[in-house]
Amino acid sequence: MAQKFGNGRWVREGFLDNRVEGTVVGRIVFAAVGPVDFYLRGNFKDDIVGEVIQFRNSRFEDDETAGQVIGDMENPQIGTVYVVSLDPHPNLVPHPYVEWFSLRKDHYRFELSPDDAWVVPAAELGTIDQESRRIREALAVQLPKQPTRDDESDWA
């Protein structure tokens, strides 16, 4: 399933934190759904890897269609990062782009206007630090263990 959130208009605001290597945690507020916590395996793209980003959508719309389209979205969202970047493609104007896969293999993505997202300065991380820690502690156990070489079979 691919879902683009009505070209991003159903994404109100949120933050994503990639300060722990290999994981992205955060919270995004969606139309009709409300706040959704995130715990994703992976990292941001090189332009913001290891940072915290925050966003507020200037084109947000809370309409009835949102509930029909994304009302059954998993909450929390646990899965894998595909792309999180403020400059996702060299041939496009830099803009916030977030794409991930849930454990159910649902595919989600949204794009925002260039000025709708920013890297959070260290001096402003206080509340986000607390929320990131809470989300990480609450949801880490729900992310399935990633297979290692030792887990793989010797069968060829």
N, C-alpha and C. Protein backbone atom coordinates (compact mmCIF):
# COMPACT_ATOMS: atom_id res chain seq x y z
N MET A 1 0.84 -1.17 0.00
CA MET A 1 0.00 0.00 0.00
C MET A 1 0.89 1.24 0.00
N ALA A 2 0.64 2.16 -0.89
CA ALA A 2 1.37 3.44 -0.88
C ALA A 2 0.39 4.51 -0.43
N GLN A 3 0.86 5.37 0.42
CA GLN A 3 0.00 6.44 0.92
C GLN A 3 0.80 7.72 0.95
N LYS A 4 0.31 8.75 0.29
CA LYS A 4 1.06 10.00 0.23
C LYS A 4 0.45 11.09 1.11
N PHE A 5 -0.55 10.80 1.92
CA PHE A 5 -1.15 11.76 2.82
C PHE A 5 -1.64 13.01 2.10
N GLY A 6 -2.32 12.82 0.97
CA GLY A 6 -2.87 13.97 0.28
C GLY A 6 -1.81 15.02 0.00
N ASN A 7 -0.67 14.60 -0.57
CA ASN A 7 0.45 15.49 -0.84
C ASN A 7 0.95 16.21 0.41
N GLY A 8 0.83 15.57 1.53
CA GLY A 8 1.33 16.11 2.79
C GLY A 8 0.33 16.95 3.56
N ARG A 9 -0.82 17.24 2.96
CA ARG A 9 -1.74 18.17 3.64
C ARG A 9 -2.33 17.62 4.93
N TRP A 10 -2.28 16.30 5.15
CA TRP A 10 -2.83 15.71 6.36
C TRP A 10 -1.80 15.57 7.48
N VAL A 11 -0.60 16.05 7.26
CA VAL A 11 0.45 16.05 8.28
C VAL A 11 0.44 17.44 8.92
N ARG A 12 0.16 17.50 10.21
CA ARG A 12 0.08 18.80 10.89
C ARG A 12 1.46 19.27 11.33
N GLU A 13 2.11 18.47 12.18
CA GLU A 13 3.40 18.86 12.75
C GLU A 13 4.05 17.65 13.39
N GLY A 14 5.31 17.83 13.80
CA GLY A 14 5.98 16.74 14.49
C GLY A 14 7.47 16.93 14.57
N PHE A 15 8.13 15.87 15.03
CA PHE A 15 9.59 15.84 15.08
C PHE A 15 10.05 14.42 14.83
N LEU A 16 11.27 14.29 14.31
CA LEU A 16 11.93 13.00 14.14
C LEU A 16 13.37 13.17 14.62
N ASP A 17 13.86 12.17 15.34
CA ASP A 17 15.15 12.23 16.03
C ASP A 17 16.01 11.06 15.58
N ASN A 18 17.17 11.35 14.98
CA ASN A 18 18.09 10.32 14.50
C ASN A 18 19.43 10.39 15.25
N ARG A 19 19.43 10.84 16.50
CA ARG A 19 20.68 10.98 17.24
C ARG A 19 21.24 9.65 17.74
N VAL A 20 20.45 8.58 17.71
CA VAL A 20 20.97 7.26 18.05
C VAL A 20 21.13 6.50 16.73
N GLU A 21 22.36 6.16 16.41
CA GLU A 21 22.70 5.48 15.16
C GLU A 21 21.77 4.29 14.91
N GLY A 22 21.20 4.25 13.71
CA GLY A 22 20.38 3.11 13.31
C GLY A 22 18.92 3.19 13.70
N THR A 23 18.50 4.27 14.37
CA THR A 23 17.09 4.40 14.73
C THR A 23 16.61 5.84 14.55
N VAL A 24 15.34 5.94 14.23
CA VAL A 24 14.65 7.23 14.15
C VAL A 24 13.42 7.11 15.03
N VAL A 25 13.29 8.00 15.99
CA VAL A 25 12.10 8.04 16.84
C VAL A 25 11.47 9.42 16.71
N GLY A 26 10.19 9.51 17.02
CA GLY A 26 9.55 10.81 16.98
C GLY A 26 8.05 10.71 17.14
N ARG A 27 7.41 11.84 16.87
CA ARG A 27 5.95 11.91 16.94
C ARG A 27 5.49 12.82 15.82
N ILE A 28 4.45 12.37 15.11
CA ILE A 28 3.84 13.18 14.04
C ILE A 28 2.35 13.24 14.32
N VAL A 29 1.77 14.43 14.16
CA VAL A 29 0.34 14.63 14.34
C VAL A 29 -0.30 14.68 12.96
N PHE A 30 -1.27 13.76 12.75
CA PHE A 30 -1.98 13.64 11.47
C PHE A 30 -3.43 14.09 11.61
N ALA A 31 -3.99 14.57 10.53
CA ALA A 31 -5.43 14.87 10.48
C ALA A 31 -6.19 13.59 10.76
N ALA A 32 -7.29 13.69 11.48
CA ALA A 32 -8.21 12.59 11.78
C ALA A 32 -7.61 11.50 12.68
N VAL A 33 -6.30 11.39 12.77
CA VAL A 33 -5.65 10.34 13.55
C VAL A 33 -5.10 10.90 14.86
N GLY A 34 -4.55 12.10 14.81
CA GLY A 34 -3.92 12.70 15.98
C GLY A 34 -2.46 12.33 16.08
N PRO A 35 -1.87 12.38 17.29
CA PRO A 35 -0.45 12.09 17.44
C PRO A 35 -0.13 10.61 17.30
N VAL A 36 0.94 10.33 16.56
CA VAL A 36 1.41 8.96 16.33
C VAL A 36 2.89 8.93 16.68
N ASP A 37 3.28 8.02 17.59
CA ASP A 37 4.69 7.84 17.92
C ASP A 37 5.34 6.95 16.86
N PHE A 38 6.63 7.21 16.61
CA PHE A 38 7.40 6.49 15.59
C PHE A 38 8.63 5.86 16.19
N TYR A 39 8.92 4.62 15.79
CA TYR A 39 10.19 3.98 16.08
C TYR A 39 10.57 3.21 14.81
N LEU A 40 11.55 3.75 14.09
CA LEU A 40 11.94 3.18 12.81
C LEU A 40 13.41 2.78 12.83
N ARG A 41 13.70 1.65 12.19
CA ARG A 41 15.09 1.23 12.03
C ARG A 41 15.65 1.98 10.82
N GLY A 42 16.87 2.52 10.96
CA GLY A 42 17.50 3.23 9.85
C GLY A 42 17.99 4.60 10.27
N ASN A 43 18.43 5.37 9.29
CA ASN A 43 18.97 6.70 9.52
C ASN A 43 18.42 7.69 8.52
N PHE A 44 18.56 8.97 8.83
CA PHE A 44 18.27 10.03 7.87
C PHE A 44 19.31 9.96 6.76
N LYS A 45 19.03 10.65 5.65
CA LYS A 45 20.04 10.79 4.60
C LYS A 45 21.18 11.66 5.10
N ASP A 46 22.29 11.65 4.36
CA ASP A 46 23.51 12.33 4.78
C ASP A 46 23.34 13.81 5.10
N ASP A 47 22.38 14.49 4.48
CA ASP A 47 22.24 15.93 4.72
C ASP A 47 21.84 16.26 6.15
N ILE A 48 21.21 15.29 6.86
CA ILE A 48 20.77 15.56 8.24
C ILE A 48 21.00 14.38 9.18
N VAL A 49 21.77 13.38 8.76
CA VAL A 49 22.01 12.21 9.60
C VAL A 49 22.52 12.64 10.97
N GLY A 50 21.97 12.01 12.02
CA GLY A 50 22.39 12.30 13.38
C GLY A 50 21.75 13.54 13.99
N GLU A 51 20.78 14.12 13.32
CA GLU A 51 20.13 15.35 13.78
C GLU A 51 18.71 15.08 14.25
N VAL A 52 18.08 16.13 14.76
CA VAL A 52 16.65 16.13 15.07
C VAL A 52 16.01 17.16 14.14
N ILE A 53 14.94 16.76 13.47
CA ILE A 53 14.21 17.72 12.65
C ILE A 53 12.82 17.93 13.26
N GLN A 54 12.32 19.12 13.05
CA GLN A 54 10.97 19.45 13.49
C GLN A 54 10.26 20.08 12.30
N PHE A 55 8.93 19.92 12.26
CA PHE A 55 8.19 20.48 11.14
C PHE A 55 6.80 20.92 11.57
N ARG A 56 6.29 21.89 10.84
CA ARG A 56 4.94 22.42 11.02
C ARG A 56 4.44 22.74 9.62
N ASN A 57 3.39 22.06 9.20
CA ASN A 57 2.90 22.13 7.83
C ASN A 57 2.04 23.37 7.58
N SER A 58 2.51 24.24 6.72
CA SER A 58 1.76 25.46 6.38
C SER A 58 0.54 25.15 5.51
N ARG A 59 0.46 23.96 4.95
CA ARG A 59 -0.67 23.58 4.08
C ARG A 59 -1.59 22.55 4.73
N PHE A 60 -1.51 22.39 6.05
CA PHE A 60 -2.30 21.38 6.76
C PHE A 60 -3.80 21.55 6.53
N GLU A 61 -4.49 20.42 6.29
CA GLU A 61 -5.94 20.40 6.16
C GLU A 61 -6.48 19.22 6.97
N ASP A 62 -7.46 19.48 7.82
CA ASP A 62 -8.10 18.43 8.60
C ASP A 62 -9.48 18.21 8.01
N ASP A 63 -9.54 17.37 6.97
CA ASP A 63 -10.82 17.15 6.30
C ASP A 63 -11.31 15.72 6.49
N GLU A 64 -12.56 15.47 6.16
CA GLU A 64 -13.19 14.15 6.36
C GLU A 64 -12.49 13.05 5.58
N THR A 65 -11.96 13.37 4.44
CA THR A 65 -11.30 12.36 3.61
C THR A 65 -10.11 11.74 4.35
N ALA A 66 -9.43 12.52 5.16
CA ALA A 66 -8.27 12.01 5.90
C ALA A 66 -8.66 10.79 6.73
N GLY A 67 -9.77 10.84 7.43
CA GLY A 67 -10.21 9.72 8.25
C GLY A 67 -10.49 8.48 7.44
N GLN A 68 -11.04 8.67 6.24
CA GLN A 68 -11.35 7.53 5.37
C GLN A 68 -10.09 6.89 4.81
N VAL A 69 -9.06 7.72 4.56
CA VAL A 69 -7.85 7.21 3.91
C VAL A 69 -6.81 6.72 4.91
N ILE A 70 -6.58 7.48 5.99
CA ILE A 70 -5.51 7.10 6.92
C ILE A 70 -6.02 6.75 8.31
N GLY A 71 -7.33 6.65 8.48
CA GLY A 71 -7.91 6.37 9.79
C GLY A 71 -7.50 5.05 10.40
N ASP A 72 -7.10 4.07 9.57
CA ASP A 72 -6.70 2.76 10.09
C ASP A 72 -5.18 2.62 10.21
N MET A 73 -4.48 3.73 10.14
CA MET A 73 -3.03 3.72 10.25
C MET A 73 -2.61 3.15 11.61
N GLU A 74 -1.57 2.32 11.60
CA GLU A 74 -1.05 1.74 12.85
C GLU A 74 -0.56 2.86 13.77
N ASN A 75 -0.86 2.71 15.05
CA ASN A 75 -0.41 3.68 16.04
C ASN A 75 0.02 2.92 17.28
N PRO A 76 1.32 2.84 17.53
CA PRO A 76 2.42 3.58 16.96
C PRO A 76 2.86 3.02 15.61
N GLN A 77 3.68 3.79 14.91
CA GLN A 77 4.30 3.36 13.66
C GLN A 77 5.66 2.76 13.98
N ILE A 78 5.81 1.49 13.71
CA ILE A 78 7.08 0.80 13.93
C ILE A 78 7.47 0.18 12.60
N GLY A 79 8.71 0.39 12.19
CA GLY A 79 9.11 -0.14 10.89
C GLY A 79 10.51 0.28 10.50
N THR A 80 10.64 0.71 9.22
CA THR A 80 11.94 0.98 8.63
C THR A 80 11.91 2.30 7.86
N VAL A 81 12.94 3.10 8.06
CA VAL A 81 13.12 4.33 7.29
C VAL A 81 13.43 3.96 5.85
N TYR A 82 12.84 4.67 4.90
CA TYR A 82 13.27 4.57 3.51
C TYR A 82 14.09 5.81 3.17
N VAL A 83 13.49 7.00 3.32
CA VAL A 83 14.21 8.26 3.12
C VAL A 83 13.65 9.30 4.08
N VAL A 84 14.53 9.96 4.81
CA VAL A 84 14.17 11.17 5.56
C VAL A 84 15.26 12.17 5.23
N SER A 85 14.86 13.31 4.63
CA SER A 85 15.83 14.28 4.16
C SER A 85 15.19 15.65 4.03
N LEU A 86 16.01 16.67 4.11
CA LEU A 86 15.56 18.02 3.78
C LEU A 86 16.00 18.41 2.38
N ASP A 87 16.75 17.52 1.72
CA ASP A 87 17.22 17.73 0.36
C ASP A 87 17.29 16.37 -0.35
N PRO A 88 16.12 15.79 -0.67
CA PRO A 88 16.08 14.39 -1.11
C PRO A 88 16.57 14.10 -2.52
N HIS A 89 16.64 15.10 -3.39
CA HIS A 89 16.99 14.80 -4.78
C HIS A 89 17.78 15.96 -5.38
N PRO A 90 18.91 15.68 -6.02
CA PRO A 90 19.76 16.76 -6.54
C PRO A 90 19.10 17.61 -7.63
N ASN A 91 18.08 17.09 -8.30
CA ASN A 91 17.44 17.84 -9.38
C ASN A 91 16.18 18.57 -8.95
N LEU A 92 15.88 18.57 -7.65
CA LEU A 92 14.70 19.25 -7.14
C LEU A 92 15.10 20.31 -6.13
N VAL A 93 14.24 21.29 -5.94
CA VAL A 93 14.45 22.28 -4.91
C VAL A 93 14.45 21.55 -3.56
N PRO A 94 15.40 21.83 -2.67
CA PRO A 94 15.41 21.17 -1.36
C PRO A 94 14.08 21.37 -0.63
N HIS A 95 13.57 20.28 -0.06
CA HIS A 95 12.30 20.31 0.68
C HIS A 95 12.24 19.09 1.58
N PRO A 96 11.46 19.16 2.67
CA PRO A 96 11.34 18.02 3.58
C PRO A 96 10.63 16.84 2.90
N TYR A 97 11.22 15.66 3.05
CA TYR A 97 10.67 14.44 2.46
C TYR A 97 10.83 13.33 3.48
N VAL A 98 9.74 12.64 3.81
CA VAL A 98 9.76 11.56 4.80
C VAL A 98 9.06 10.36 4.20
N GLU A 99 9.75 9.21 4.19
CA GLU A 99 9.19 7.99 3.61
C GLU A 99 9.63 6.80 4.47
N TRP A 100 8.68 5.89 4.76
CA TRP A 100 8.97 4.74 5.60
C TRP A 100 8.03 3.58 5.27
N PHE A 101 8.38 2.40 5.80
CA PHE A 101 7.56 1.19 5.70
C PHE A 101 7.22 0.73 7.12
N SER A 102 5.96 0.40 7.34
CA SER A 102 5.55 -0.12 8.65
C SER A 102 5.85 -1.61 8.72
N LEU A 103 5.71 -2.19 9.91
CA LEU A 103 5.90 -3.64 10.07
C LEU A 103 4.92 -4.42 9.20
N ARG A 104 3.73 -3.84 8.96
CA ARG A 104 2.74 -4.50 8.09
C ARG A 104 3.09 -4.34 6.62
N LYS A 105 4.22 -3.71 6.34
CA LYS A 105 4.70 -3.44 4.98
C LYS A 105 3.88 -2.36 4.28
N ASP A 106 3.13 -1.56 5.07
CA ASP A 106 2.47 -0.40 4.48
C ASP A 106 3.55 0.64 4.18
N HIS A 107 3.40 1.31 3.06
CA HIS A 107 4.39 2.27 2.57
C HIS A 107 3.79 3.66 2.69
N TYR A 108 4.45 4.53 3.43
CA TYR A 108 3.96 5.88 3.66
C TYR A 108 5.01 6.90 3.24
N ARG A 109 4.54 8.05 2.76
CA ARG A 109 5.47 9.14 2.45
C ARG A 109 4.71 10.46 2.42
N PHE A 110 5.45 11.51 2.75
CA PHE A 110 4.89 12.85 2.60
C PHE A 110 6.02 13.84 2.32
N GLU A 111 5.65 14.91 1.65
CA GLU A 111 6.56 16.00 1.33
C GLU A 111 5.95 17.29 1.85
N LEU A 112 6.79 18.20 2.29
CA LEU A 112 6.33 19.49 2.80
C LEU A 112 7.00 20.62 2.02
N SER A 113 6.50 21.82 2.21
CA SER A 113 7.12 23.00 1.60
C SER A 113 8.49 23.24 2.22
N PRO A 114 9.42 23.82 1.45
CA PRO A 114 10.80 23.99 1.92
C PRO A 114 10.94 24.64 3.30
N ASP A 115 10.12 25.62 3.62
CA ASP A 115 10.27 26.32 4.91
C ASP A 115 9.52 25.67 6.06
N ASP A 116 8.88 24.51 5.83
CA ASP A 116 8.06 23.88 6.86
C ASP A 116 8.83 22.97 7.80
N ALA A 117 10.14 22.76 7.56
CA ALA A 117 10.93 21.88 8.44
C ALA A 117 12.31 22.48 8.65
N TRP A 118 12.92 22.11 9.79
CA TRP A 118 14.22 22.65 10.14
C TRP A 118 14.94 21.68 11.07
N VAL A 119 16.26 21.79 11.11
CA VAL A 119 17.07 21.06 12.09
C VAL A 119 16.95 21.82 13.40
N VAL A 120 16.65 21.09 14.47
CA VAL A 120 16.45 21.72 15.78
C VAL A 120 17.82 22.05 16.40
N PRO A 121 18.02 23.31 16.79
CA PRO A 121 19.29 23.68 17.45
C PRO A 121 19.41 22.99 18.81
N ALA A 122 20.62 22.68 19.21
CA ALA A 122 20.88 21.98 20.47
C ALA A 122 20.22 22.68 21.66
N ALA A 123 20.20 24.00 21.65
CA ALA A 123 19.63 24.76 22.77
C ALA A 123 18.12 24.57 22.92
N GLU A 124 17.47 24.03 21.89
CA GLU A 124 16.01 23.87 21.91
C GLU A 124 15.57 22.41 22.01
N LEU A 125 16.46 21.52 22.41
CA LEU A 125 16.16 20.09 22.42
C LEU A 125 15.55 19.56 23.72
N GLY A 126 15.38 20.37 24.75
CA GLY A 126 14.93 19.90 26.06
C GLY A 126 13.70 19.01 26.04
N THR A 127 12.59 19.49 25.56
CA THR A 127 11.34 18.72 25.54
C THR A 127 11.45 17.53 24.60
N ILE A 128 12.09 17.73 23.46
CA ILE A 128 12.25 16.64 22.49
C ILE A 128 13.09 15.52 23.10
N ASP A 129 14.13 15.86 23.86
CA ASP A 129 14.96 14.84 24.52
C ASP A 129 14.09 13.92 25.38
N GLN A 130 13.23 14.51 26.19
CA GLN A 130 12.36 13.72 27.07
C GLN A 130 11.42 12.83 26.26
N GLU A 131 10.81 13.38 25.23
CA GLU A 131 9.88 12.59 24.41
C GLU A 131 10.60 11.49 23.64
N SER A 132 11.76 11.80 23.08
CA SER A 132 12.53 10.78 22.35
C SER A 132 12.89 9.62 23.27
N ARG A 133 13.34 9.93 24.47
CA ARG A 133 13.70 8.90 25.44
C ARG A 133 12.49 8.03 25.79
N ARG A 134 11.35 8.68 26.05
CA ARG A 134 10.13 7.95 26.39
C ARG A 134 9.71 7.02 25.25
N ILE A 135 9.72 7.53 24.03
CA ILE A 135 9.33 6.73 22.86
C ILE A 135 10.29 5.57 22.66
N ARG A 136 11.59 5.85 22.74
CA ARG A 136 12.60 4.80 22.55
C ARG A 136 12.42 3.68 23.58
N GLU A 137 12.24 4.05 24.84
CA GLU A 137 12.07 3.05 25.90
C GLU A 137 10.78 2.26 25.74
N ALA A 138 9.71 2.93 25.33
CA ALA A 138 8.41 2.26 25.22
C ALA A 138 8.32 1.36 24.00
N LEU A 139 8.96 1.74 22.90
CA LEU A 139 8.73 1.02 21.64
C LEU A 139 9.87 0.12 21.18
N ALA A 140 11.05 0.25 21.75
CA ALA A 140 12.19 -0.55 21.30
C ALA A 140 11.90 -2.04 21.33
N VAL A 141 11.16 -2.48 22.32
CA VAL A 141 10.86 -3.91 22.45
C VAL A 141 9.91 -4.41 21.35
N GLN A 142 9.20 -3.49 20.68
CA GLN A 142 8.25 -3.89 19.64
C GLN A 142 8.90 -4.04 18.27
N LEU A 143 10.11 -3.54 18.10
CA LEU A 143 10.81 -3.67 16.82
C LEU A 143 11.44 -5.05 16.76
N PRO A 144 11.07 -5.85 15.76
CA PRO A 144 11.63 -7.20 15.68
C PRO A 144 13.15 -7.17 15.56
N LYS A 145 13.76 -8.19 16.11
CA LYS A 145 15.21 -8.31 16.04
C LYS A 145 15.62 -8.42 14.58
N GLN A 146 16.67 -7.70 14.21
CA GLN A 146 17.18 -7.78 12.85
C GLN A 146 18.04 -9.02 12.72
N PRO A 147 17.84 -9.82 11.67
CA PRO A 147 18.65 -11.03 11.54
C PRO A 147 20.14 -10.70 11.44
N THR A 148 20.96 -11.55 12.05
CA THR A 148 22.40 -11.40 11.95
C THR A 148 22.94 -12.61 11.21
N ARG A 149 24.21 -12.58 10.89
CA ARG A 149 24.87 -13.72 10.21
C ARG A 149 24.68 -15.00 11.02
N ASP A 150 24.74 -14.91 12.36
CA ASP A 150 24.60 -16.09 13.20
C ASP A 150 23.20 -16.69 13.11
N ASP A 151 22.21 -15.84 12.79
CA ASP A 151 20.83 -16.32 12.70
C ASP A 151 20.54 -16.99 11.36
N GLU A 152 21.39 -16.74 10.37
CA GLU A 152 21.13 -17.26 9.03
C GLU A 152 21.49 -18.74 8.97
N SER A 153 20.76 -19.44 8.16
CA SER A 153 20.99 -20.86 7.98
C SER A 153 22.23 -21.12 7.15
N ASP A 154 22.84 -22.29 7.32
CA ASP A 154 24.00 -22.68 6.50
C ASP A 154 23.54 -23.23 5.15
N TRP A 155 22.26 -23.36 4.96
CA TRP A 155 21.75 -23.88 3.70
C TRP A 155 22.02 -22.87 2.60
N ALA A 156 22.39 -23.35 1.45
CA ALA A 156 22.65 -22.46 0.30
C ALA A 156 21.56 -22.60 -0.71
